[in-house]
Amino acid sequence: MSAILETQDLVTLIPWTFIAQICNLFIQVMLIKKFLFKPIREILEKRKAKADAEIGEAVKAREEAETMKLESVNEIKDEIGSMAMEIAGKVIEREVNATDHAKLIDEFINKVGDGA
């Protein structure tokens, strides 16, 4: 008979122990939330902000590179146009008037632009 009573004692629920265990669980959850999840969340937010900043800088750098590329292409076309006019003026051995000059530059730039 004593074995049956011991088994029953193991299965019974003691209210104060149950309340203490629930309180212990809530305390552990709150401590874990405060000391583990909060710092990890802060670290993840900092990493996200840093990644966003680096992506923004990369986009800005790419835009600047595209702008510089278009500027260096336009400058080269202008320089080549000027050189071509000088050469053409020497070959023709006459001074080219402003209208002819502009027309020749535009034609040359269009040809260079098609080949680039």
PDB file of N, CA and C in Angstrom:
ATOM      1  N   MET A   1       0.798  -1.194   0.000  1.00  0.00           N
ATOM      2  CA  MET A   1       0.000   0.000   0.000  1.00  0.00           C
ATOM      3  C   MET A   1       0.852   1.274   0.000  1.00  0.00           C
ATOM      4  N   SER A   2       1.974   1.220   0.618  1.00  0.00           N
ATOM      5  CA  SER A   2       2.794   2.418   0.687  1.00  0.00           C
ATOM      6  C   SER A   2       3.333   2.799  -0.696  1.00  0.00           C
ATOM      7  N   ALA A   3       3.534   1.828  -1.586  1.00  0.00           N
ATOM      8  CA  ALA A   3       3.985   2.122  -2.949  1.00  0.00           C
ATOM      9  C   ALA A   3       2.926   2.887  -3.704  1.00  0.00           C
ATOM     10  N   ILE A   4       1.674   2.578  -3.466  1.00  0.00           N
ATOM     11  CA  ILE A   4       0.593   3.278  -4.140  1.00  0.00           C
ATOM     12  C   ILE A   4       0.518   4.723  -3.662  1.00  0.00           C
ATOM     13  N   LEU A   5       0.718   4.956  -2.382  1.00  0.00           N
ATOM     14  CA  LEU A   5       0.679   6.310  -1.837  1.00  0.00           C
ATOM     15  C   LEU A   5       1.831   7.151  -2.378  1.00  0.00           C
ATOM     16  N   GLU A   6       3.001   6.550  -2.522  1.00  0.00           N
ATOM     17  CA  GLU A   6       4.148   7.285  -3.052  1.00  0.00           C
ATOM     18  C   GLU A   6       3.909   7.676  -4.500  1.00  0.00           C
ATOM     19  N   THR A   7       3.306   6.819  -5.273  1.00  0.00           N
ATOM     20  CA  THR A   7       2.996   7.122  -6.659  1.00  0.00           C
ATOM     21  C   THR A   7       1.989   8.252  -6.733  1.00  0.00           C
ATOM     22  N   GLN A   8       1.024   8.215  -5.849  1.00  0.00           N
ATOM     23  CA  GLN A   8       0.036   9.278  -5.840  1.00  0.00           C
ATOM     24  C   GLN A   8       0.674  10.608  -5.440  1.00  0.00           C
ATOM     25  N   ASP A   9       1.639  10.597  -4.557  1.00  0.00           N
ATOM     26  CA  ASP A   9       2.312  11.825  -4.157  1.00  0.00           C
ATOM     27  C   ASP A   9       3.092  12.434  -5.328  1.00  0.00           C
ATOM     28  N   LEU A  10       3.662  11.619  -6.189  1.00  0.00           N
ATOM     29  CA  LEU A  10       4.399  12.126  -7.336  1.00  0.00           C
ATOM     30  C   LEU A  10       3.469  12.771  -8.362  1.00  0.00           C
ATOM     31  N   VAL A  11       2.260  12.323  -8.469  1.00  0.00           N
ATOM     32  CA  VAL A  11       1.330  12.812  -9.472  1.00  0.00           C
ATOM     33  C   VAL A  11       0.554  14.034  -8.984  1.00  0.00           C
ATOM     34  N   THR A  12       0.446  14.225  -7.719  1.00  0.00           N
ATOM     35  CA  THR A  12      -0.366  15.321  -7.196  1.00  0.00           C
ATOM     36  C   THR A  12       0.278  16.670  -7.509  1.00  0.00           C
ATOM     37  N   LEU A  13      -0.539  17.678  -7.576  1.00  0.00           N
ATOM     38  CA  LEU A  13      -0.100  19.025  -7.894  1.00  0.00           C
ATOM     39  C   LEU A  13      -0.189  19.874  -6.627  1.00  0.00           C
ATOM     40  N   ILE A  14       0.962  20.446  -6.244  1.00  0.00           N
ATOM     41  CA  ILE A  14       1.004  21.303  -5.062  1.00  0.00           C
ATOM     42  C   ILE A  14       0.870  22.742  -5.555  1.00  0.00           C
ATOM     43  N   PRO A  15      -0.155  23.442  -5.138  1.00  0.00           N
ATOM     44  CA  PRO A  15      -0.424  24.781  -5.684  1.00  0.00           C
ATOM     45  C   PRO A  15       0.722  25.763  -5.485  1.00  0.00           C
ATOM     46  N   TRP A  16       1.340  25.814  -4.333  1.00  0.00           N
ATOM     47  CA  TRP A  16       2.408  26.786  -4.083  1.00  0.00           C
ATOM     48  C   TRP A  16       3.643  26.488  -4.940  1.00  0.00           C
ATOM     49  N   THR A  17       3.941  25.237  -5.131  1.00  0.00           N
ATOM     50  CA  THR A  17       5.080  24.877  -5.990  1.00  0.00           C
ATOM     51  C   THR A  17       4.798  25.267  -7.436  1.00  0.00           C
ATOM     52  N   PHE A  18       3.573  25.022  -7.854  1.00  0.00           N
ATOM     53  CA  PHE A  18       3.182  25.378  -9.221  1.00  0.00           C
ATOM     54  C   PHE A  18       3.272  26.892  -9.434  1.00  0.00           C
ATOM     55  N   ILE A  19       2.798  27.665  -8.491  1.00  0.00           N
ATOM     56  CA  ILE A  19       2.865  29.129  -8.585  1.00  0.00           C
ATOM     57  C   ILE A  19       4.317  29.593  -8.600  1.00  0.00           C
ATOM     58  N   ALA A  20       5.167  28.993  -7.766  1.00  0.00           N
ATOM     59  CA  ALA A  20       6.585  29.354  -7.725  1.00  0.00           C
ATOM     60  C   ALA A  20       7.265  29.029  -9.057  1.00  0.00           C
ATOM     61  N   GLN A  21       6.912  27.895  -9.662  1.00  0.00           N
ATOM     62  CA  GLN A  21       7.501  27.514 -10.947  1.00  0.00           C
ATOM     63  C   GLN A  21       7.070  28.473 -12.060  1.00  0.00           C
ATOM     64  N   ILE A  22       5.804  28.874 -12.054  1.00  0.00           N
ATOM     65  CA  ILE A  22       5.317  29.830 -13.054  1.00  0.00           C
ATOM     66  C   ILE A  22       6.025  31.176 -12.886  1.00  0.00           C
ATOM     67  N   CYS A  23       6.163  31.626 -11.638  1.00  0.00           N
ATOM     68  CA  CYS A  23       6.880  32.885 -11.381  1.00  0.00           C
ATOM     69  C   CYS A  23       8.333  32.780 -11.836  1.00  0.00           C
ATOM     70  N   ASN A  24       8.962  31.664 -11.553  1.00  0.00           N
ATOM     71  CA  ASN A  24      10.343  31.429 -11.970  1.00  0.00           C
ATOM     72  C   ASN A  24      10.456  31.486 -13.495  1.00  0.00           C
ATOM     73  N   LEU A  25       9.522  30.877 -14.178  1.00  0.00           N
ATOM     74  CA  LEU A  25       9.523  30.889 -15.645  1.00  0.00           C
ATOM     75  C   LEU A  25       9.404  32.308 -16.179  1.00  0.00           C
ATOM     76  N   PHE A  26       8.475  33.087 -15.644  1.00  0.00           N
ATOM     77  CA  PHE A  26       8.311  34.467 -16.094  1.00  0.00           C
ATOM     78  C   PHE A  26       9.547  35.304 -15.812  1.00  0.00           C
ATOM     79  N   ILE A  27      10.162  35.101 -14.657  1.00  0.00           N
ATOM     80  CA  ILE A  27      11.389  35.836 -14.327  1.00  0.00           C
ATOM     81  C   ILE A  27      12.499  35.484 -15.317  1.00  0.00           C
ATOM     82  N   GLN A  28      12.636  34.188 -15.639  1.00  0.00           N
ATOM     83  CA  GLN A  28      13.652  33.773 -16.599  1.00  0.00           C
ATOM     84  C   GLN A  28      13.389  34.366 -17.980  1.00  0.00           C
ATOM     85  N   VAL A  29      12.144  34.359 -18.406  1.00  0.00           N
ATOM     86  CA  VAL A  29      11.800  34.921 -19.714  1.00  0.00           C
ATOM     87  C   VAL A  29      12.116  36.408 -19.748  1.00  0.00           C
ATOM     88  N   MET A  30      11.781  37.135 -18.713  1.00  0.00           N
ATOM     89  CA  MET A  30      12.057  38.568 -18.665  1.00  0.00           C
ATOM     90  C   MET A  30      13.562  38.843 -18.667  1.00  0.00           C
ATOM     91  N   LEU A  31      14.328  38.058 -17.908  1.00  0.00           N
ATOM     92  CA  LEU A  31      15.784  38.240 -17.875  1.00  0.00           C
ATOM     93  C   LEU A  31      16.407  37.936 -19.235  1.00  0.00           C
ATOM     94  N   ILE A  32      15.946  36.868 -19.852  1.00  0.00           N
ATOM     95  CA  ILE A  32      16.476  36.510 -21.171  1.00  0.00           C
ATOM     96  C   ILE A  32      16.126  37.599 -22.186  1.00  0.00           C
ATOM     97  N   LYS A  33      14.905  38.080 -22.115  1.00  0.00           N
ATOM     98  CA  LYS A  33      14.469  39.128 -23.037  1.00  0.00           C
ATOM     99  C   LYS A  33      15.300  40.393 -22.862  1.00  0.00           C
ATOM    100  N   LYS A  34      15.546  40.761 -21.597  1.00  0.00           N
ATOM    101  CA  LYS A  34      16.279  41.998 -21.325  1.00  0.00           C
ATOM    102  C   LYS A  34      17.766  41.881 -21.644  1.00  0.00           C
ATOM    103  N   PHE A  35      18.394  40.801 -21.216  1.00  0.00           N
ATOM    104  CA  PHE A  35      19.846  40.692 -21.333  1.00  0.00           C
ATOM    105  C   PHE A  35      20.324  39.956 -22.584  1.00  0.00           C
ATOM    106  N   LEU A  36      19.448  39.287 -23.298  1.00  0.00           N
ATOM    107  CA  LEU A  36      19.878  38.557 -24.482  1.00  0.00           C
ATOM    108  C   LEU A  36      19.251  39.116 -25.750  1.00  0.00           C
ATOM    109  N   PHE A  37      17.932  39.191 -25.797  1.00  0.00           N
ATOM    110  CA  PHE A  37      17.263  39.612 -27.021  1.00  0.00           C
ATOM    111  C   PHE A  37      17.464  41.088 -27.326  1.00  0.00           C
ATOM    112  N   LYS A  38      17.416  41.939 -26.314  1.00  0.00           N
ATOM    113  CA  LYS A  38      17.569  43.373 -26.538  1.00  0.00           C
ATOM    114  C   LYS A  38      18.953  43.714 -27.103  1.00  0.00           C
ATOM    115  N   PRO A  39      20.058  43.219 -26.523  1.00  0.00           N
ATOM    116  CA  PRO A  39      21.373  43.509 -27.111  1.00  0.00           C
ATOM    117  C   PRO A  39      21.529  42.925 -28.522  1.00  0.00           C
ATOM    118  N   ILE A  40      20.995  41.739 -28.743  1.00  0.00           N
ATOM    119  CA  ILE A  40      21.105  41.144 -30.072  1.00  0.00           C
ATOM    120  C   ILE A  40      20.326  41.967 -31.081  1.00  0.00           C
ATOM    121  N   ARG A  41      19.152  42.422 -30.697  1.00  0.00           N
ATOM    122  CA  ARG A  41      18.345  43.258 -31.592  1.00  0.00           C
ATOM    123  C   ARG A  41      19.078  44.553 -31.917  1.00  0.00           C
ATOM    124  N   GLU A  42      19.727  45.156 -30.915  1.00  0.00           N
ATOM    125  CA  GLU A  42      20.486  46.384 -31.144  1.00  0.00           C
ATOM    126  C   GLU A  42      21.649  46.145 -32.097  1.00  0.00           C
ATOM    127  N   ILE A  43      22.345  45.030 -31.920  1.00  0.00           N
ATOM    128  CA  ILE A  43      23.462  44.697 -32.810  1.00  0.00           C
ATOM    129  C   ILE A  43      22.962  44.511 -34.238  1.00  0.00           C
ATOM    130  N   LEU A  44      21.846  43.811 -34.392  1.00  0.00           N
ATOM    131  CA  LEU A  44      21.290  43.595 -35.734  1.00  0.00           C
ATOM    132  C   LEU A  44      20.843  44.905 -36.372  1.00  0.00           C
ATOM    133  N   GLU A  45      20.271  45.802 -35.598  1.00  0.00           N
ATOM    134  CA  GLU A  45      19.861  47.101 -36.135  1.00  0.00           C
ATOM    135  C   GLU A  45      21.072  47.913 -36.577  1.00  0.00           C
ATOM    136  N   LYS A  46      22.154  47.885 -35.790  1.00  0.00           N
ATOM    137  CA  LYS A  46      23.378  48.591 -36.174  1.00  0.00           C
ATOM    138  C   LYS A  46      23.965  48.017 -37.461  1.00  0.00           C
ATOM    139  N   ARG A  47      23.973  46.694 -37.566  1.00  0.00           N
ATOM    140  CA  ARG A  47      24.496  46.061 -38.780  1.00  0.00           C
ATOM    141  C   ARG A  47      23.643  46.421 -39.988  1.00  0.00           C
ATOM    142  N   LYS A  48      22.323  46.459 -39.798  1.00  0.00           N
ATOM    143  CA  LYS A  48      21.422  46.820 -40.899  1.00  0.00           C
ATOM    144  C   LYS A  48      21.664  48.262 -41.322  1.00  0.00           C
ATOM    145  N   ALA A  49      21.811  49.160 -40.355  1.00  0.00           N
ATOM    146  CA  ALA A  49      22.066  50.570 -40.672  1.00  0.00           C
ATOM    147  C   ALA A  49      23.396  50.722 -41.413  1.00  0.00           C
ATOM    148  N   LYS A  50      24.405  49.988 -40.971  1.00  0.00           N
ATOM    149  CA  LYS A  50      25.710  50.056 -41.633  1.00  0.00           C
ATOM    150  C   LYS A  50      25.620  49.525 -43.060  1.00  0.00           C
ATOM    151  N   ALA A  51      24.913  48.415 -43.248  1.00  0.00           N
ATOM    152  CA  ALA A  51      24.750  47.852 -44.594  1.00  0.00           C
ATOM    153  C   ALA A  51      23.979  48.814 -45.492  1.00  0.00           C
ATOM    154  N   ASP A  52      22.929  49.436 -44.963  1.00  0.00           N
ATOM    155  CA  ASP A  52      22.170  50.408 -45.746  1.00  0.00           C
ATOM    156  C   ASP A  52      23.037  51.594 -46.138  1.00  0.00           C
ATOM    157  N   ALA A  53      23.875  52.054 -45.223  1.00  0.00           N
ATOM    158  CA  ALA A  53      24.768  53.177 -45.514  1.00  0.00           C
ATOM    159  C   ALA A  53      25.774  52.798 -46.597  1.00  0.00           C
ATOM    160  N   GLU A  54      26.325  51.596 -46.514  1.00  0.00           N
ATOM    161  CA  GLU A  54      27.291  51.157 -47.524  1.00  0.00           C
ATOM    162  C   GLU A  54      26.631  51.002 -48.889  1.00  0.00           C
ATOM    163  N   ILE A  55      25.407  50.512 -48.914  1.00  0.00           N
ATOM    164  CA  ILE A  55      24.684  50.392 -50.185  1.00  0.00           C
ATOM    165  C   ILE A  55      24.431  51.779 -50.767  1.00  0.00           C
ATOM    166  N   GLY A  56      24.037  52.721 -49.913  1.00  0.00           N
ATOM    167  CA  GLY A  56      23.819  54.096 -50.375  1.00  0.00           C
ATOM    168  C   GLY A  56      25.086  54.717 -50.934  1.00  0.00           C
ATOM    169  N   GLU A  57      26.213  54.485 -50.260  1.00  0.00           N
ATOM    170  CA  GLU A  57      27.492  55.002 -50.747  1.00  0.00           C
ATOM    171  C   GLU A  57      27.875  54.370 -52.078  1.00  0.00           C
ATOM    172  N   ALA A  58      27.613  53.080 -52.228  1.00  0.00           N
ATOM    173  CA  ALA A  58      27.939  52.401 -53.485  1.00  0.00           C
ATOM    174  C   ALA A  58      27.098  52.939 -54.631  1.00  0.00           C
ATOM    175  N   VAL A  59      25.824  53.177 -54.375  1.00  0.00           N
ATOM    176  CA  VAL A  59      24.953  53.736 -55.423  1.00  0.00           C
ATOM    177  C   VAL A  59      25.432  55.134 -55.801  1.00  0.00           C
ATOM    178  N   LYS A  60      25.772  55.932 -54.795  1.00  0.00           N
ATOM    179  CA  LYS A  60      26.267  57.287 -55.054  1.00  0.00           C
ATOM    180  C   LYS A  60      27.571  57.251 -55.856  1.00  0.00           C
ATOM    181  N   ALA A  61      28.473  56.358 -55.499  1.00  0.00           N
ATOM    182  CA  ALA A  61      29.747  56.236 -56.218  1.00  0.00           C
ATOM    183  C   ALA A  61      29.516  55.808 -57.667  1.00  0.00           C
ATOM    184  N   ARG A  62      28.564  54.889 -57.870  1.00  0.00           N
ATOM    185  CA  ARG A  62      28.270  54.451 -59.236  1.00  0.00           C
ATOM    186  C   ARG A  62      27.694  55.601 -60.061  1.00  0.00           C
ATOM    187  N   GLU A  63      26.812  56.392 -59.461  1.00  0.00           N
ATOM    188  CA  GLU A  63      26.247  57.536 -60.170  1.00  0.00           C
ATOM    189  C   GLU A  63      27.325  58.557 -60.526  1.00  0.00           C
ATOM    190  N   GLU A  64      28.244  58.798 -59.587  1.00  0.00           N
ATOM    191  CA  GLU A  64      29.345  59.720 -59.858  1.00  0.00           C
ATOM    192  C   GLU A  64      30.242  59.192 -60.974  1.00  0.00           C
ATOM    193  N   ALA A  65      30.492  57.896 -60.969  1.00  0.00           N
ATOM    194  CA  ALA A  65      31.318  57.300 -62.023  1.00  0.00           C
ATOM    195  C   ALA A  65      30.646  57.437 -63.384  1.00  0.00           C
ATOM    196  N   GLU A  66      29.327  57.225 -63.435  1.00  0.00           N
ATOM    197  CA  GLU A  66      28.601  57.384 -64.693  1.00  0.00           C
ATOM    198  C   GLU A  66      28.666  58.829 -65.176  1.00  0.00           C
ATOM    199  N   THR A  67      28.533  59.772 -64.246  1.00  0.00           N
ATOM    200  CA  THR A  67      28.605  61.187 -64.606  1.00  0.00           C
ATOM    201  C   THR A  67      29.991  61.534 -65.145  1.00  0.00           C
ATOM    202  N   MET A  68      31.020  61.043 -64.439  1.00  0.00           N
ATOM    203  CA  MET A  68      32.388  61.304 -64.892  1.00  0.00           C
ATOM    204  C   MET A  68      32.641  60.670 -66.252  1.00  0.00           C
ATOM    205  N   LYS A  69      32.105  59.497 -66.479  1.00  0.00           N
ATOM    206  CA  LYS A  69      32.284  58.812 -67.763  1.00  0.00           C
ATOM    207  C   LYS A  69      31.664  59.626 -68.885  1.00  0.00           C
ATOM    208  N   LEU A  70      30.467  60.132 -68.657  1.00  0.00           N
ATOM    209  CA  LEU A  70      29.809  60.934 -69.684  1.00  0.00           C
ATOM    210  C   LEU A  70      30.542  62.241 -69.932  1.00  0.00           C
ATOM    211  N   GLU A  71      31.121  62.851 -68.824  1.00  0.00           N
ATOM    212  CA  GLU A  71      31.882  64.087 -68.980  1.00  0.00           C
ATOM    213  C   GLU A  71      33.134  63.843 -69.791  1.00  0.00           C
ATOM    214  N   SER A  72      33.937  62.622 -69.362  1.00  0.00           N
ATOM    215  CA  SER A  72      35.197  62.393 -70.080  1.00  0.00           C
ATOM    216  C   SER A  72      34.967  62.077 -71.527  1.00  0.00           C
ATOM    217  N   VAL A  73      33.775  61.397 -71.870  1.00  0.00           N
ATOM    218  CA  VAL A  73      33.450  61.090 -73.274  1.00  0.00           C
ATOM    219  C   VAL A  73      33.178  62.388 -74.015  1.00  0.00           C
ATOM    220  N   ASN A  74      32.373  63.290 -73.407  1.00  0.00           N
ATOM    221  CA  ASN A  74      32.059  64.566 -74.070  1.00  0.00           C
ATOM    222  C   ASN A  74      33.313  65.412 -74.261  1.00  0.00           C
ATOM    223  N   GLU A  75      34.193  65.434 -73.263  1.00  0.00           N
ATOM    224  CA  GLU A  75      35.426  66.207 -73.387  1.00  0.00           C
ATOM    225  C   GLU A  75      36.309  65.648 -74.497  1.00  0.00           C
ATOM    226  N   ILE A  76      36.389  64.336 -74.589  1.00  0.00           N
ATOM    227  CA  ILE A  76      37.209  63.724 -75.626  1.00  0.00           C
ATOM    228  C   ILE A  76      36.639  64.026 -76.999  1.00  0.00           C
ATOM    229  N   LYS A  77      35.307  63.957 -77.130  1.00  0.00           N
ATOM    230  CA  LYS A  77      34.682  64.282 -78.419  1.00  0.00           C
ATOM    231  C   LYS A  77      34.971  65.732 -78.809  1.00  0.00           C
ATOM    232  N   ASP A  78      34.893  66.643 -77.854  1.00  0.00           N
ATOM    233  CA  ASP A  78      35.181  68.046 -78.146  1.00  0.00           C
ATOM    234  C   ASP A  78      36.635  68.231 -78.560  1.00  0.00           C
ATOM    235  N   GLU A  79      37.522  67.566 -77.836  1.00  0.00           N
ATOM    236  CA  GLU A  79      38.945  67.698 -78.159  1.00  0.00           C
ATOM    237  C   GLU A  79      39.257  67.108 -79.532  1.00  0.00           C
ATOM    238  N   ILE A  80      38.678  65.952 -79.824  1.00  0.00           N
ATOM    239  CA  ILE A  80      38.897  65.334 -81.134  1.00  0.00           C
ATOM    240  C   ILE A  80      38.319  66.216 -82.233  1.00  0.00           C
ATOM    241  N   GLY A  81      37.164  66.813 -81.962  1.00  0.00           N
ATOM    242  CA  GLY A  81      36.564  67.719 -82.944  1.00  0.00           C
ATOM    243  C   GLY A  81      37.461  68.908 -83.232  1.00  0.00           C
ATOM    244  N   SER A  82      38.046  69.474 -82.176  1.00  0.00           N
ATOM    245  CA  SER A  82      38.949  70.614 -82.364  1.00  0.00           C
ATOM    246  C   SER A  82      40.188  70.208 -83.160  1.00  0.00           C
ATOM    247  N   MET A  83      40.740  69.061 -82.818  1.00  0.00           N
ATOM    248  CA  MET A  83      41.927  68.581 -83.530  1.00  0.00           C
ATOM    249  C   MET A  83      41.603  68.312 -85.001  1.00  0.00           C
ATOM    250  N   ALA A  84      40.432  67.734 -85.241  1.00  0.00           N
ATOM    251  CA  ALA A  84      40.047  67.448 -86.623  1.00  0.00           C
ATOM    252  C   ALA A  84      39.886  68.739 -87.421  1.00  0.00           C
ATOM    253  N   MET A  85      39.358  69.757 -86.770  1.00  0.00           N
ATOM    254  CA  MET A  85      39.193  71.037 -87.471  1.00  0.00           C
ATOM    255  C   MET A  85      40.543  71.662 -87.800  1.00  0.00           C
ATOM    256  N   GLU A  86      41.480  71.555 -86.886  1.00  0.00           N
ATOM    257  CA  GLU A  86      42.812  72.090 -87.152  1.00  0.00           C
ATOM    258  C   GLU A  86      43.455  71.368 -88.330  1.00  0.00           C
ATOM    259  N   ILE A  87      43.334  70.049 -88.317  1.00  0.00           N
ATOM    260  CA  ILE A  87      43.907  69.259 -89.405  1.00  0.00           C
ATOM    261  C   ILE A  87      43.208  69.581 -90.717  1.00  0.00           C
ATOM    262  N   ALA A  88      41.894  69.655 -90.679  1.00  0.00           N
ATOM    263  CA  ALA A  88      41.138  69.959 -91.894  1.00  0.00           C
ATOM    264  C   ALA A  88      41.502  71.346 -92.414  1.00  0.00           C
ATOM    265  N   GLY A  89      41.679  72.287 -91.499  1.00  0.00           N
ATOM    266  CA  GLY A  89      42.062  73.644 -91.915  1.00  0.00           C
ATOM    267  C   GLY A  89      43.422  73.658 -92.578  1.00  0.00           C
ATOM    268  N   LYS A  90      44.362  72.852 -92.084  1.00  0.00           N
ATOM    269  CA  LYS A  90      45.690  72.803 -92.680  1.00  0.00           C
ATOM    270  C   LYS A  90      45.645  72.103 -94.029  1.00  0.00           C
ATOM    271  N   VAL A  91      44.834  71.067 -94.143  1.00  0.00           N
ATOM    272  CA  VAL A  91      44.737  70.337 -95.402  1.00  0.00           C
ATOM    273  C   VAL A  91      44.104  71.210 -96.475  1.00  0.00           C
ATOM    274  N   ILE A  92      43.070  71.882 -96.138  1.00  0.00           N
ATOM    275  CA  ILE A  92      42.364  72.721 -97.098  1.00  0.00           C
ATOM    276  C   ILE A  92      43.170  73.978 -97.384  1.00  0.00           C
ATOM    277  N   GLU A  93      44.011  74.368 -96.428  1.00  0.00           N
ATOM    278  CA  GLU A  93      44.838  75.566 -96.506  1.00  0.00           C
ATOM    279  C   GLU A  93      44.008  76.821 -96.694  1.00  0.00           C
ATOM    280  N   ARG A  94      42.931  76.804 -96.038  1.00  0.00           N
ATOM    281  CA  ARG A  94      42.125  78.015 -96.012  1.00  0.00           C
ATOM    282  C   ARG A  94      41.443  78.080 -94.658  1.00  0.00           C
ATOM    283  N   GLU A  95      41.016  79.213 -94.333  1.00  0.00           N
ATOM    284  CA  GLU A  95      40.336  79.379 -93.059  1.00  0.00           C
ATOM    285  C   GLU A  95      38.876  78.980 -93.229  1.00  0.00           C
ATOM    286  N   VAL A  96      38.415  78.179 -92.351  1.00  0.00           N
ATOM    287  CA  VAL A  96      37.043  77.707 -92.406  1.00  0.00           C
ATOM    288  C   VAL A  96      36.181  78.719 -91.654  1.00  0.00           C
ATOM    289  N   ASN A  97      35.048  79.108 -92.261  1.00  0.00           N
ATOM    290  CA  ASN A  97      34.181  80.073 -91.571  1.00  0.00           C
ATOM    291  C   ASN A  97      33.420  79.383 -90.447  1.00  0.00           C
ATOM    292  N   ALA A  98      32.732  80.148 -89.634  1.00  0.00           N
ATOM    293  CA  ALA A  98      32.083  79.625 -88.425  1.00  0.00           C
ATOM    294  C   ALA A  98      31.006  78.595 -88.750  1.00  0.00           C
ATOM    295  N   THR A  99      30.260  78.800 -89.799  1.00  0.00           N
ATOM    296  CA  THR A  99      29.193  77.858 -90.164  1.00  0.00           C
ATOM    297  C   THR A  99      29.778  76.521 -90.591  1.00  0.00           C
ATOM    298  N   ASP A 100      30.804  76.587 -91.466  1.00  0.00           N
ATOM    299  CA  ASP A 100      31.452  75.347 -91.903  1.00  0.00           C
ATOM    300  C   ASP A 100      32.110  74.641 -90.713  1.00  0.00           C
ATOM    301  N   HIS A 101      32.710  75.435 -89.860  1.00  0.00           N
ATOM    302  CA  HIS A 101      33.380  74.897 -88.683  1.00  0.00           C
ATOM    303  C   HIS A 101      32.389  74.109 -87.802  1.00  0.00           C
ATOM    304  N   ALA A 102      31.250  74.702 -87.494  1.00  0.00           N
ATOM    305  CA  ALA A 102      30.247  74.038 -86.659  1.00  0.00           C
ATOM    306  C   ALA A 102      29.701  72.791 -87.352  1.00  0.00           C
ATOM    307  N   LYS A 103      29.489  72.896 -88.660  1.00  0.00           N
ATOM    308  CA  LYS A 103      28.955  71.755 -89.413  1.00  0.00           C
ATOM    309  C   LYS A 103      29.942  70.583 -89.400  1.00  0.00           C
ATOM    310  N   LEU A 104      31.208  70.861 -89.627  1.00  0.00           N
ATOM    311  CA  LEU A 104      32.222  69.810 -89.628  1.00  0.00           C
ATOM    312  C   LEU A 104      32.361  69.167 -88.243  1.00  0.00           C
ATOM    313  N   ILE A 105      32.316  69.976 -87.202  1.00  0.00           N
ATOM    314  CA  ILE A 105      32.421  69.435 -85.835  1.00  0.00           C
ATOM    315  C   ILE A 105      31.244  68.517 -85.542  1.00  0.00           C
ATOM    316  N   ASP A 106      30.045  68.960 -85.886  1.00  0.00           N
ATOM    317  CA  ASP A 106      28.860  68.134 -85.628  1.00  0.00           C
ATOM    318  C   ASP A 106      28.927  66.809 -86.393  1.00  0.00           C
ATOM    319  N   GLU A 107      29.341  66.862 -87.643  1.00  0.00           N
ATOM    320  CA  GLU A 107      29.452  65.622 -88.428  1.00  0.00           C
ATOM    321  C   GLU A 107      30.490  64.685 -87.829  1.00  0.00           C
ATOM    322  N   PHE A 108      31.616  65.254 -87.437  1.00  0.00           N
ATOM    323  CA  PHE A 108      32.673  64.422 -86.884  1.00  0.00           C
ATOM    324  C   PHE A 108      32.244  63.802 -85.549  1.00  0.00           C
ATOM    325  N   ILE A 109      31.605  64.605 -84.694  1.00  0.00           N
ATOM    326  CA  ILE A 109      31.150  64.095 -83.398  1.00  0.00           C
ATOM    327  C   ILE A 109      30.120  62.997 -83.596  1.00  0.00           C
ATOM    328  N   ASN A 110      29.238  63.173 -84.558  1.00  0.00           N
ATOM    329  CA  ASN A 110      28.241  62.125 -84.832  1.00  0.00           C
ATOM    330  C   ASN A 110      28.903  60.835 -85.293  1.00  0.00           C
ATOM    331  N   LYS A 111      29.918  60.970 -86.144  1.00  0.00           N
ATOM    332  CA  LYS A 111      30.629  59.778 -86.616  1.00  0.00           C
ATOM    333  C   LYS A 111      31.379  59.106 -85.459  1.00  0.00           C
ATOM    334  N   VAL A 112      32.023  59.907 -84.613  1.00  0.00           N
ATOM    335  CA  VAL A 112      32.756  59.351 -83.472  1.00  0.00           C
ATOM    336  C   VAL A 112      31.772  58.731 -82.485  1.00  0.00           C
ATOM    337  N   GLY A 113      30.627  59.379 -82.275  1.00  0.00           N
ATOM    338  CA  GLY A 113      29.620  58.858 -81.366  1.00  0.00           C
ATOM    339  C   GLY A 113      29.055  57.532 -81.841  1.00  0.00           C
ATOM    340  N   ASP A 114      28.900  57.367 -83.156  1.00  0.00           N
ATOM    341  CA  ASP A 114      28.385  56.085 -83.691  1.00  0.00           C
ATOM    342  C   ASP A 114      29.410  54.980 -83.540  1.00  0.00           C
ATOM    343  N   GLY A 115      30.660  55.313 -83.606  1.00  0.00           N
ATOM    344  CA  GLY A 115      31.702  54.295 -83.504  1.00  0.00           C
ATOM    345  C   GLY A 115      32.016  53.915 -82.073  1.00  0.00           C
ATOM    346  N   ALA A 116      31.637  54.739 -81.097  1.00  0.00           N
ATOM    347  CA  ALA A 116      31.986  54.474 -79.690  1.00  0.00           C
ATOM    348  C   ALA A 116      31.079  53.485 -79.059  1.00  0.00           C
TER     349      ALA A 116
END
